[in-house]
Amino acid sequence: MNFFGFLTADKEGKSLMHRMMAALGVDRRLRELPGHAAVEARAAERCSQCDHEGECINWLAANEKPDQPPEFCSNRDLIARLQKLAPTP
């Protein structure tokens, strides 16, 4: 995905990265990490360099409550680590 694709937001103003994190239920966990701004910035950088923007959009549209991110997701490892953290109340 190019930088402008990353900035393309949905009607709620969420980028693809934030939509993916929310769909997988790790968006709050990401925000609660110590140093979350730096972690989020690195995740945004990986997302901005991804070449799967169209696939990501289609995957998000077809997977309302997924258990794991798609194989092509450049933040797959980060999401897996966030999923292992204790759920937030």
Protein backbone atom coordinates (compact mmCIF):
# COMPACT_ATOMS: atom_id res chain seq x y z
CA MET A 1 0.00 0.00 0.00
CA ASN A 2 1.34 3.40 -0.78
CA PHE A 3 1.34 6.20 1.78
CA PHE A 4 -1.82 7.75 0.39
CA GLY A 5 -3.58 4.39 0.56
CA PHE A 6 -2.65 4.13 4.21
CA LEU A 7 -4.13 7.54 4.84
CA THR A 8 -7.36 6.62 3.07
CA ALA A 9 -9.88 6.34 5.85
CA ASP A 10 -13.27 4.71 6.09
CA LYS A 11 -16.41 6.65 6.94
CA GLU A 12 -15.46 6.63 10.67
CA GLY A 13 -12.03 8.05 9.85
CA LYS A 14 -10.08 4.84 10.54
CA SER A 15 -7.10 3.81 8.42
CA LEU A 16 -6.79 0.23 7.17
CA MET A 17 -4.30 -0.50 9.94
CA HIS A 18 -6.68 0.73 12.61
CA ARG A 19 -9.58 -1.11 11.01
CA MET A 20 -7.53 -4.34 11.04
CA MET A 21 -6.56 -3.84 14.69
CA ALA A 22 -10.18 -3.13 15.65
CA ALA A 23 -11.52 -6.12 13.68
CA LEU A 24 -9.12 -8.37 15.56
CA GLY A 25 -9.91 -6.79 18.93
CA VAL A 26 -6.39 -5.56 19.68
CA ASP A 27 -6.80 -1.82 19.16
CA ARG A 28 -7.24 -1.12 22.89
CA ARG A 29 -4.36 -3.40 23.81
CA LEU A 30 -2.11 -1.50 21.42
CA ARG A 31 -3.05 1.84 23.00
CA GLU A 32 -2.35 0.46 26.49
CA LEU A 33 1.21 -0.68 25.75
CA PRO A 34 4.03 1.27 27.35
CA GLY A 35 5.52 3.35 24.57
CA HIS A 36 2.48 2.64 22.40
CA ALA A 37 3.08 5.70 20.21
CA ALA A 38 6.39 4.28 18.96
CA VAL A 39 4.91 0.80 18.48
CA GLU A 40 1.96 2.26 16.58
CA ALA A 41 4.28 4.41 14.44
CA ARG A 42 6.32 1.33 13.43
CA ALA A 43 3.11 -0.58 12.66
CA ALA A 44 1.86 2.34 10.56
CA GLU A 45 5.16 2.41 8.68
CA ARG A 46 4.89 -1.32 7.88
CA CYS A 47 1.30 -0.83 6.76
CA SER A 48 2.20 2.15 4.58
CA GLN A 49 4.77 0.05 2.72
CA CYS A 50 2.40 -2.88 2.07
CA ASP A 51 1.39 -3.76 -1.49
CA HIS A 52 -1.87 -5.48 -0.50
CA GLU A 53 -4.22 -2.51 -0.04
CA GLY A 54 -6.98 -3.94 -2.25
CA GLU A 55 -6.68 -7.37 -0.69
CA CYS A 56 -6.81 -5.81 2.77
CA ILE A 57 -9.95 -3.82 1.95
CA ASN A 58 -11.64 -6.94 0.56
CA TRP A 59 -10.51 -9.09 3.48
CA LEU A 60 -11.85 -6.62 6.03
CA ALA A 61 -15.17 -6.44 4.17
CA ALA A 62 -15.49 -10.23 4.12
CA ASN A 63 -14.31 -10.93 7.69
CA GLU A 64 -16.40 -9.20 10.31
CA LYS A 65 -15.06 -11.00 13.42
CA PRO A 66 -11.81 -12.73 12.40
CA ASP A 67 -9.60 -14.75 14.76
CA GLN A 68 -6.35 -13.84 13.07
CA PRO A 69 -5.09 -11.46 10.43
CA PRO A 70 -4.59 -12.55 6.84
CA GLU A 71 -1.27 -14.12 5.83
CA PHE A 72 -0.31 -11.04 3.81
CA CYS A 73 -0.66 -8.60 6.73
CA SER A 74 2.65 -6.90 7.49
CA ASN A 75 1.57 -6.44 11.13
CA ARG A 76 0.62 -10.09 11.60
CA ASP A 77 3.36 -10.72 14.20
CA LEU A 78 2.46 -7.61 16.21
CA ILE A 79 -1.22 -8.57 16.17
CA ALA A 80 -0.39 -12.10 17.35
CA ARG A 81 1.62 -10.69 20.26
CA LEU A 82 -1.19 -8.30 21.16
CA GLN A 83 -3.71 -11.16 21.08
CA LYS A 84 -1.62 -13.04 23.66
CA LEU A 85 -1.84 -10.18 26.15
CA ALA A 86 -4.49 -10.37 28.85
CA PRO A 87 -7.77 -8.82 27.69
CA THR A 88 -8.52 -5.35 28.94
CA PRO A 89 -11.59 -5.03 31.19
